[in-house]
PDB file of N, CA and C in Angstrom:
ATOM      1  N   UNK A   1     -19.982  39.886  11.831  1.00  0.00           N
ATOM      2  CA  UNK A   1     -19.480  40.213  10.500  1.00  0.00           C
ATOM      3  C   UNK A   1     -20.103  41.504   9.969  1.00  0.00           C
ATOM      4  N   UNK A   2     -19.190  42.227   9.258  1.00  0.00           N
ATOM      5  CA  UNK A   2     -19.611  43.378   8.537  1.00  0.00           C
ATOM      6  C   UNK A   2     -20.062  43.289   7.226  1.00  0.00           C
ATOM      7  N   UNK A   3     -20.505  44.242   6.551  1.00  0.00           N
ATOM      8  CA  UNK A   3     -21.100  44.181   5.244  1.00  0.00           C
ATOM      9  C   UNK A   3     -20.084  43.649   4.144  1.00  0.00           C
ATOM     10  N   UNK A   4     -18.883  44.174   4.293  1.00  0.00           N
ATOM     11  CA  UNK A   4     -17.780  43.730   3.411  1.00  0.00           C
ATOM     12  C   UNK A   4     -17.490  42.181   3.458  1.00  0.00           C
ATOM     13  N   UNK A   5     -17.399  41.718   4.669  1.00  0.00           N
ATOM     14  CA  UNK A   5     -17.095  40.261   4.950  1.00  0.00           C
ATOM     15  C   UNK A   5     -18.317  39.382   4.370  1.00  0.00           C
ATOM     16  N   UNK A   6     -19.515  39.902   4.610  1.00  0.00           N
ATOM     17  CA  UNK A   6     -20.622  39.119   4.077  1.00  0.00           C
ATOM     18  C   UNK A   6     -20.563  39.010   2.477  1.00  0.00           C
ATOM     19  N   UNK A   7     -20.266  40.141   1.830  1.00  0.00           N
ATOM     20  CA  UNK A   7     -20.148  40.153   0.413  1.00  0.00           C
ATOM     21  C   UNK A   7     -19.061  39.263  -0.098  1.00  0.00           C
ATOM     22  N   UNK A   8     -17.974  39.236   0.645  1.00  0.00           N
ATOM     23  CA  UNK A   8     -16.820  38.454   0.320  1.00  0.00           C
ATOM     24  C   UNK A   8     -17.064  36.981   0.354  1.00  0.00           C
ATOM     25  N   UNK A   9     -17.854  36.593   1.452  1.00  0.00           N
ATOM     26  CA  UNK A   9     -18.416  35.186   1.447  1.00  0.00           C
ATOM     27  C   UNK A   9     -19.242  34.894   0.469  1.00  0.00           C
ATOM     28  N   UNK A  10     -20.135  35.731   0.061  1.00  0.00           N
ATOM     29  CA  UNK A  10     -21.026  35.508  -1.109  1.00  0.00           C
ATOM     30  C   UNK A  10     -20.264  35.306  -2.355  1.00  0.00           C
ATOM     31  N   UNK A  11     -19.213  36.030  -2.539  1.00  0.00           N
ATOM     32  CA  UNK A  11     -18.416  35.827  -3.738  1.00  0.00           C
ATOM     33  C   UNK A  11     -17.665  34.504  -3.703  1.00  0.00           C
ATOM     34  N   UNK A  12     -17.293  34.013  -2.560  1.00  0.00           N
ATOM     35  CA  UNK A  12     -16.752  32.718  -2.426  1.00  0.00           C
ATOM     36  C   UNK A  12     -17.728  31.498  -2.709  1.00  0.00           C
ATOM     37  N   UNK A  13     -18.933  31.644  -2.124  1.00  0.00           N
ATOM     38  CA  UNK A  13     -19.880  30.664  -2.176  1.00  0.00           C
ATOM     39  C   UNK A  13     -20.459  30.559  -3.608  1.00  0.00           C
ATOM     40  N   UNK A  14     -20.406  31.652  -4.480  1.00  0.00           N
ATOM     41  CA  UNK A  14     -20.959  31.662  -5.836  1.00  0.00           C
ATOM     42  C   UNK A  14     -22.362  31.134  -6.048  1.00  0.00           C
ATOM     43  N   UNK A  15     -23.258  31.503  -4.992  1.00  0.00           N
ATOM     44  CA  UNK A  15     -24.636  31.002  -4.961  1.00  0.00           C
ATOM     45  C   UNK A  15     -25.389  31.847  -6.042  1.00  0.00           C
ATOM     46  N   UNK A  16     -26.282  31.231  -6.742  1.00  0.00           N
ATOM     47  CA  UNK A  16     -27.207  31.962  -7.727  1.00  0.00           C
ATOM     48  C   UNK A  16     -27.925  32.997  -7.078  1.00  0.00           C
ATOM     49  N   UNK A  17     -28.227  32.961  -5.795  1.00  0.00           N
ATOM     50  CA  UNK A  17     -29.069  33.931  -5.106  1.00  0.00           C
ATOM     51  C   UNK A  17     -28.280  35.297  -5.120  1.00  0.00           C
ATOM     52  N   UNK A  18     -27.018  35.311  -5.329  1.00  0.00           N
ATOM     53  CA  UNK A  18     -26.265  36.547  -5.242  1.00  0.00           C
ATOM     54  C   UNK A  18     -25.666  36.899  -6.598  1.00  0.00           C
ATOM     55  N   UNK A  19     -26.044  36.237  -7.630  1.00  0.00           N
ATOM     56  CA  UNK A  19     -25.456  36.408  -8.978  1.00  0.00           C
ATOM     57  C   UNK A  19     -26.221  37.420  -9.807  1.00  0.00           C
ATOM     58  N   UNK A  20     -25.468  38.219 -10.456  1.00  0.00           N
ATOM     59  CA  UNK A  20     -26.096  39.284 -11.322  1.00  0.00           C
ATOM     60  C   UNK A  20     -26.779  38.690 -12.547  1.00  0.00           C
ATOM     61  N   UNK A  21     -26.535  37.501 -12.840  1.00  0.00           N
ATOM     62  CA  UNK A  21     -27.103  36.925 -14.064  1.00  0.00           C
ATOM     63  C   UNK A  21     -28.383  36.150 -13.792  1.00  0.00           C
ATOM     64  N   UNK A  22     -28.843  36.087 -12.581  1.00  0.00           N
ATOM     65  CA  UNK A  22     -30.043  35.213 -12.118  1.00  0.00           C
ATOM     66  C   UNK A  22     -31.276  36.151 -12.067  1.00  0.00           C
ATOM     67  N   UNK A  23     -32.354  35.579 -12.746  1.00  0.00           N
ATOM     68  CA  UNK A  23     -33.607  36.249 -12.748  1.00  0.00           C
ATOM     69  C   UNK A  23     -34.561  35.364 -12.078  1.00  0.00           C
ATOM     70  N   UNK A  24     -35.199  35.704 -11.052  1.00  0.00           N
ATOM     71  CA  UNK A  24     -36.001  34.997 -10.168  1.00  0.00           C
ATOM     72  C   UNK A  24     -37.249  34.459 -10.815  1.00  0.00           C
ATOM     73  N   UNK A  25     -37.777  33.257 -10.539  1.00  0.00           N
ATOM     74  CA  UNK A  25     -38.983  32.650 -11.099  1.00  0.00           C
ATOM     75  C   UNK A  25     -40.024  32.605  -9.788  1.00  0.00           C
ATOM     76  N   UNK A  26     -40.645  33.731  -9.364  1.00  0.00           N
ATOM     77  CA  UNK A  26     -41.356  33.668  -8.196  1.00  0.00           C
ATOM     78  C   UNK A  26     -42.637  32.826  -8.396  1.00  0.00           C
ATOM     79  N   UNK A  27     -43.121  32.756  -9.551  1.00  0.00           N
ATOM     80  CA  UNK A  27     -44.395  31.908  -9.730  1.00  0.00           C
ATOM     81  C   UNK A  27     -44.039  30.498  -9.628  1.00  0.00           C
ATOM     82  N   UNK A  28     -42.875  29.947 -10.120  1.00  0.00           N
ATOM     83  CA  UNK A  28     -42.525  28.574  -9.828  1.00  0.00           C
ATOM     84  C   UNK A  28     -42.222  28.267  -8.455  1.00  0.00           C
ATOM     85  N   UNK A  29     -41.607  29.204  -7.663  1.00  0.00           N
ATOM     86  CA  UNK A  29     -41.314  29.074  -6.272  1.00  0.00           C
ATOM     87  C   UNK A  29     -42.511  29.026  -5.524  1.00  0.00           C
ATOM     88  N   UNK A  30     -43.563  29.820  -5.787  1.00  0.00           N
ATOM     89  CA  UNK A  30     -44.815  29.921  -4.974  1.00  0.00           C
ATOM     90  C   UNK A  30     -45.590  28.583  -5.283  1.00  0.00           C
ATOM     91  N   UNK A  31     -45.386  27.991  -6.442  1.00  0.00           N
ATOM     92  CA  UNK A  31     -46.092  26.816  -6.729  1.00  0.00           C
ATOM     93  C   UNK A  31     -45.777  25.533  -5.763  1.00  0.00           C
ATOM     94  N   UNK A  32     -44.716  25.807  -5.006  1.00  0.00           N
ATOM     95  CA  UNK A  32     -44.255  24.799  -3.973  1.00  0.00           C
ATOM     96  C   UNK A  32     -44.484  25.202  -2.671  1.00  0.00           C
ATOM     97  N   UNK A  33     -45.254  26.238  -2.451  1.00  0.00           N
ATOM     98  CA  UNK A  33     -45.580  26.822  -1.081  1.00  0.00           C
ATOM     99  C   UNK A  33     -46.227  25.740  -0.167  1.00  0.00           C
ATOM    100  N   UNK A  34     -47.017  24.865  -0.692  1.00  0.00           N
ATOM    101  CA  UNK A  34     -47.730  23.824   0.062  1.00  0.00           C
ATOM    102  C   UNK A  34     -46.616  22.891   0.838  1.00  0.00           C
ATOM    103  N   UNK A  35     -45.404  22.903   0.346  1.00  0.00           N
ATOM    104  CA  UNK A  35     -44.375  21.958   0.902  1.00  0.00           C
ATOM    105  C   UNK A  35     -43.587  22.702   2.173  1.00  0.00           C
ATOM    106  N   UNK A  36     -43.908  23.987   2.251  1.00  0.00           N
ATOM    107  CA  UNK A  36     -43.293  24.631   3.372  1.00  0.00           C
ATOM    108  C   UNK A  36     -44.181  25.394   4.294  1.00  0.00           C
ATOM    109  N   UNK A  37     -44.655  24.598   5.250  1.00  0.00           N
ATOM    110  CA  UNK A  37     -45.642  25.153   6.255  1.00  0.00           C
ATOM    111  C   UNK A  37     -44.965  26.420   6.878  1.00  0.00           C
ATOM    112  N   UNK A  38     -45.892  27.317   7.308  1.00  0.00           N
ATOM    113  CA  UNK A  38     -45.360  28.591   7.922  1.00  0.00           C
ATOM    114  C   UNK A  38     -44.496  28.298   9.220  1.00  0.00           C
ATOM    115  N   UNK A  39     -44.802  27.243   9.879  1.00  0.00           N
ATOM    116  CA  UNK A  39     -43.951  27.059  11.136  1.00  0.00           C
ATOM    117  C   UNK A  39     -42.507  26.461  10.832  1.00  0.00           C
ATOM    118  N   UNK A  40     -42.297  26.037   9.704  1.00  0.00           N
ATOM    119  CA  UNK A  40     -41.051  25.513   9.212  1.00  0.00           C
ATOM    120  C   UNK A  40     -40.154  26.688   8.603  1.00  0.00           C
ATOM    121  N   UNK A  41     -38.867  26.801   9.025  1.00  0.00           N
ATOM    122  CA  UNK A  41     -37.988  27.806   8.581  1.00  0.00           C
ATOM    123  C   UNK A  41     -37.844  27.715   7.080  1.00  0.00           C
ATOM    124  N   UNK A  42     -37.377  28.925   6.506  1.00  0.00           N
ATOM    125  CA  UNK A  42     -37.137  29.100   5.061  1.00  0.00           C
ATOM    126  C   UNK A  42     -35.653  28.768   4.694  1.00  0.00           C
ATOM    127  N   UNK A  43     -34.911  28.357   5.695  1.00  0.00           N
ATOM    128  CA  UNK A  43     -33.482  28.120   5.390  1.00  0.00           C
ATOM    129  C   UNK A  43     -33.238  27.077   4.258  1.00  0.00           C
ATOM    130  N   UNK A  44     -33.991  26.174   4.197  1.00  0.00           N
ATOM    131  CA  UNK A  44     -33.784  25.038   3.159  1.00  0.00           C
ATOM    132  C   UNK A  44     -34.729  25.165   2.007  1.00  0.00           C
ATOM    133  N   UNK A  45     -35.362  26.332   1.827  1.00  0.00           N
ATOM    134  CA  UNK A  45     -36.261  26.524   0.633  1.00  0.00           C
ATOM    135  C   UNK A  45     -35.594  26.617  -0.548  1.00  0.00           C
ATOM    136  N   UNK A  46     -35.926  25.802  -1.483  1.00  0.00           N
ATOM    137  CA  UNK A  46     -35.424  25.798  -2.921  1.00  0.00           C
ATOM    138  C   UNK A  46     -35.968  26.907  -3.614  1.00  0.00           C
ATOM    139  N   UNK A  47     -35.116  27.734  -4.317  1.00  0.00           N
ATOM    140  CA  UNK A  47     -35.563  28.853  -5.032  1.00  0.00           C
ATOM    141  C   UNK A  47     -35.330  28.517  -6.581  1.00  0.00           C
ATOM    142  N   UNK A  48     -36.085  29.190  -7.481  1.00  0.00           N
ATOM    143  CA  UNK A  48     -35.911  28.962  -8.822  1.00  0.00           C
ATOM    144  C   UNK A  48     -35.717  30.263  -9.687  1.00  0.00           C
ATOM    145  N   UNK A  49     -35.119  30.024 -10.751  1.00  0.00           N
ATOM    146  CA  UNK A  49     -34.897  31.220 -11.609  1.00  0.00           C
ATOM    147  C   UNK A  49     -34.340  30.880 -12.986  1.00  0.00           C
ATOM    148  N   UNK A  50     -33.922  31.766 -13.699  1.00  0.00           N
ATOM    149  CA  UNK A  50     -33.286  31.651 -15.105  1.00  0.00           C
ATOM    150  C   UNK A  50     -31.887  32.267 -15.049  1.00  0.00           C
ATOM    151  N   UNK A  51     -30.862  31.566 -15.406  1.00  0.00           N
ATOM    152  CA  UNK A  51     -29.527  32.059 -15.557  1.00  0.00           C
ATOM    153  C   UNK A  51     -29.445  32.734 -16.953  1.00  0.00           C
ATOM    154  N   UNK A  52     -29.364  34.048 -16.995  1.00  0.00           N
ATOM    155  CA  UNK A  52     -29.253  34.759 -18.376  1.00  0.00           C
ATOM    156  C   UNK A  52     -27.936  34.575 -19.009  1.00  0.00           C
ATOM    157  N   UNK A  53     -26.944  34.213 -18.288  1.00  0.00           N
ATOM    158  CA  UNK A  53     -25.616  33.853 -18.914  1.00  0.00           C
ATOM    159  C   UNK A  53     -25.556  32.547 -19.600  1.00  0.00           C
ATOM    160  N   UNK A  54     -26.066  31.461 -18.854  1.00  0.00           N
ATOM    161  CA  UNK A  54     -26.081  30.191 -19.420  1.00  0.00           C
ATOM    162  C   UNK A  54     -27.415  29.899 -20.158  1.00  0.00           C
ATOM    163  N   UNK A  55     -28.303  30.757 -20.108  1.00  0.00           N
ATOM    164  CA  UNK A  55     -29.573  30.545 -20.721  1.00  0.00           C
ATOM    165  C   UNK A  55     -30.349  29.288 -20.422  1.00  0.00           C
ATOM    166  N   UNK A  56     -30.346  29.045 -19.097  1.00  0.00           N
ATOM    167  CA  UNK A  56     -30.936  27.728 -18.614  1.00  0.00           C
ATOM    168  C   UNK A  56     -31.604  27.970 -17.244  1.00  0.00           C
ATOM    169  N   UNK A  57     -32.652  27.251 -16.933  1.00  0.00           N
ATOM    170  CA  UNK A  57     -33.259  27.294 -15.583  1.00  0.00           C
ATOM    171  C   UNK A  57     -32.258  26.862 -14.487  1.00  0.00           C
ATOM    172  N   UNK A  58     -32.398  27.463 -13.353  1.00  0.00           N
ATOM    173  CA  UNK A  58     -31.546  27.155 -12.249  1.00  0.00           C
ATOM    174  C   UNK A  58     -32.455  26.999 -10.972  1.00  0.00           C
ATOM    175  N   UNK A  59     -32.013  26.069 -10.044  1.00  0.00           N
ATOM    176  CA  UNK A  59     -32.583  26.040  -8.708  1.00  0.00           C
ATOM    177  C   UNK A  59     -31.402  26.092  -7.728  1.00  0.00           C
ATOM    178  N   UNK A  60     -31.727  26.522  -6.581  1.00  0.00           N
ATOM    179  CA  UNK A  60     -30.706  26.782  -5.563  1.00  0.00           C
ATOM    180  C   UNK A  60     -31.239  27.043  -4.252  1.00  0.00           C
ATOM    181  N   UNK A  61     -30.471  26.776  -3.165  1.00  0.00           N
ATOM    182  CA  UNK A  61     -30.839  27.161  -1.787  1.00  0.00           C
ATOM    183  C   UNK A  61     -29.918  28.270  -1.446  1.00  0.00           C
ATOM    184  N   UNK A  62     -30.508  29.422  -1.104  1.00  0.00           N
ATOM    185  CA  UNK A  62     -29.674  30.675  -0.748  1.00  0.00           C
ATOM    186  C   UNK A  62     -28.726  30.314   0.430  1.00  0.00           C
ATOM    187  N   UNK A  63     -27.589  30.959   0.397  1.00  0.00           N
ATOM    188  CA  UNK A  63     -26.558  30.897   1.506  1.00  0.00           C
ATOM    189  C   UNK A  63     -25.928  29.559   1.566  1.00  0.00           C
ATOM    190  N   UNK A  64     -26.030  28.876   0.521  1.00  0.00           N
ATOM    191  CA  UNK A  64     -25.213  27.505   0.496  1.00  0.00           C
ATOM    192  C   UNK A  64     -24.111  27.546  -0.658  1.00  0.00           C
ATOM    193  N   UNK A  65     -23.044  26.872  -0.475  1.00  0.00           N
ATOM    194  CA  UNK A  65     -21.927  26.975  -1.395  1.00  0.00           C
ATOM    195  C   UNK A  65     -22.169  26.318  -2.591  1.00  0.00           C
ATOM    196  N   UNK A  66     -22.042  26.983  -3.766  1.00  0.00           N
ATOM    197  CA  UNK A  66     -22.198  26.448  -5.039  1.00  0.00           C
ATOM    198  C   UNK A  66     -21.037  26.703  -6.031  1.00  0.00           C
ATOM    199  N   UNK A  67     -19.812  26.816  -5.349  1.00  0.00           N
ATOM    200  CA  UNK A  67     -18.638  27.066  -6.114  1.00  0.00           C
ATOM    201  C   UNK A  67     -18.403  26.093  -7.172  1.00  0.00           C
ATOM    202  N   UNK A  68     -18.580  24.809  -7.023  1.00  0.00           N
ATOM    203  CA  UNK A  68     -18.358  23.707  -7.995  1.00  0.00           C
ATOM    204  C   UNK A  68     -19.205  24.000  -9.239  1.00  0.00           C
ATOM    205  N   UNK A  69     -20.493  24.343  -9.064  1.00  0.00           N
ATOM    206  CA  UNK A  69     -21.388  24.509 -10.208  1.00  0.00           C
ATOM    207  C   UNK A  69     -21.107  25.907 -10.798  1.00  0.00           C
ATOM    208  N   UNK A  70     -20.778  26.847 -10.146  1.00  0.00           N
ATOM    209  CA  UNK A  70     -20.771  28.293 -10.674  1.00  0.00           C
ATOM    210  C   UNK A  70     -19.576  28.992 -10.732  1.00  0.00           C
ATOM    211  N   UNK A  71     -18.380  28.347 -10.444  1.00  0.00           N
ATOM    212  CA  UNK A  71     -17.124  29.174 -10.377  1.00  0.00           C
ATOM    213  C   UNK A  71     -16.723  29.840 -11.724  1.00  0.00           C
ATOM    214  N   UNK A  72     -17.265  29.345 -12.808  1.00  0.00           N
ATOM    215  CA  UNK A  72     -16.878  29.914 -14.103  1.00  0.00           C
ATOM    216  C   UNK A  72     -17.804  30.889 -14.610  1.00  0.00           C
ATOM    217  N   UNK A  73     -18.973  31.086 -13.937  1.00  0.00           N
ATOM    218  CA  UNK A  73     -20.024  32.038 -14.514  1.00  0.00           C
ATOM    219  C   UNK A  73     -20.451  33.049 -13.449  1.00  0.00           C
ATOM    220  N   UNK A  74     -20.206  32.832 -12.149  1.00  0.00           N
ATOM    221  CA  UNK A  74     -20.704  33.668 -11.103  1.00  0.00           C
ATOM    222  C   UNK A  74     -20.170  35.116 -11.244  1.00  0.00           C
ATOM    223  N   UNK A  75     -21.091  36.066 -11.086  1.00  0.00           N
ATOM    224  CA  UNK A  75     -20.672  37.566 -10.968  1.00  0.00           C
ATOM    225  C   UNK A  75     -21.637  38.177  -9.893  1.00  0.00           C
ATOM    226  N   UNK A  76     -21.023  38.588  -8.830  1.00  0.00           N
ATOM    227  CA  UNK A  76     -21.774  39.096  -7.738  1.00  0.00           C
ATOM    228  C   UNK A  76     -22.588  40.294  -8.211  1.00  0.00           C
ATOM    229  N   UNK A  77     -23.825  40.342  -7.716  1.00  0.00           N
ATOM    230  CA  UNK A  77     -24.792  41.386  -8.184  1.00  0.00           C
ATOM    231  C   UNK A  77     -24.289  42.843  -7.806  1.00  0.00           C
ATOM    232  N   UNK A  78     -23.388  43.028  -6.894  1.00  0.00           N
ATOM    233  CA  UNK A  78     -23.007  44.313  -6.555  1.00  0.00           C
ATOM    234  C   UNK A  78     -21.651  44.671  -7.250  1.00  0.00           C
ATOM    235  N   UNK A  79     -21.013  43.782  -7.992  1.00  0.00           N
ATOM    236  CA  UNK A  79     -19.818  44.000  -8.730  1.00  0.00           C
ATOM    237  C   UNK A  79     -20.114  44.812 -10.052  1.00  0.00           C
ATOM    238  N   UNK A  80     -19.269  45.700 -10.324  1.00  0.00           N
ATOM    239  CA  UNK A  80     -19.480  46.478 -11.469  1.00  0.00           C
ATOM    240  C   UNK A  80     -18.877  46.020 -12.727  1.00  0.00           C
TER     241      UNK A  80
END
């Protein structure tokens, strides 16, 4: 896959991880570090943040489809 196809898939998935309106909450994410031992992959790690468009907290797993939840508010972080 090239860079353009990856970005297009991110636009289809509408995941908060790739949204321009998402502000990460690293402190909250780190508070759950004890649940994710180092030998376990980070592929299923729940991330936390604040949606500045909806003005509400969000949780998400990067690279998973969230089209149902976000199709009306998602804006890719690289879109102008």
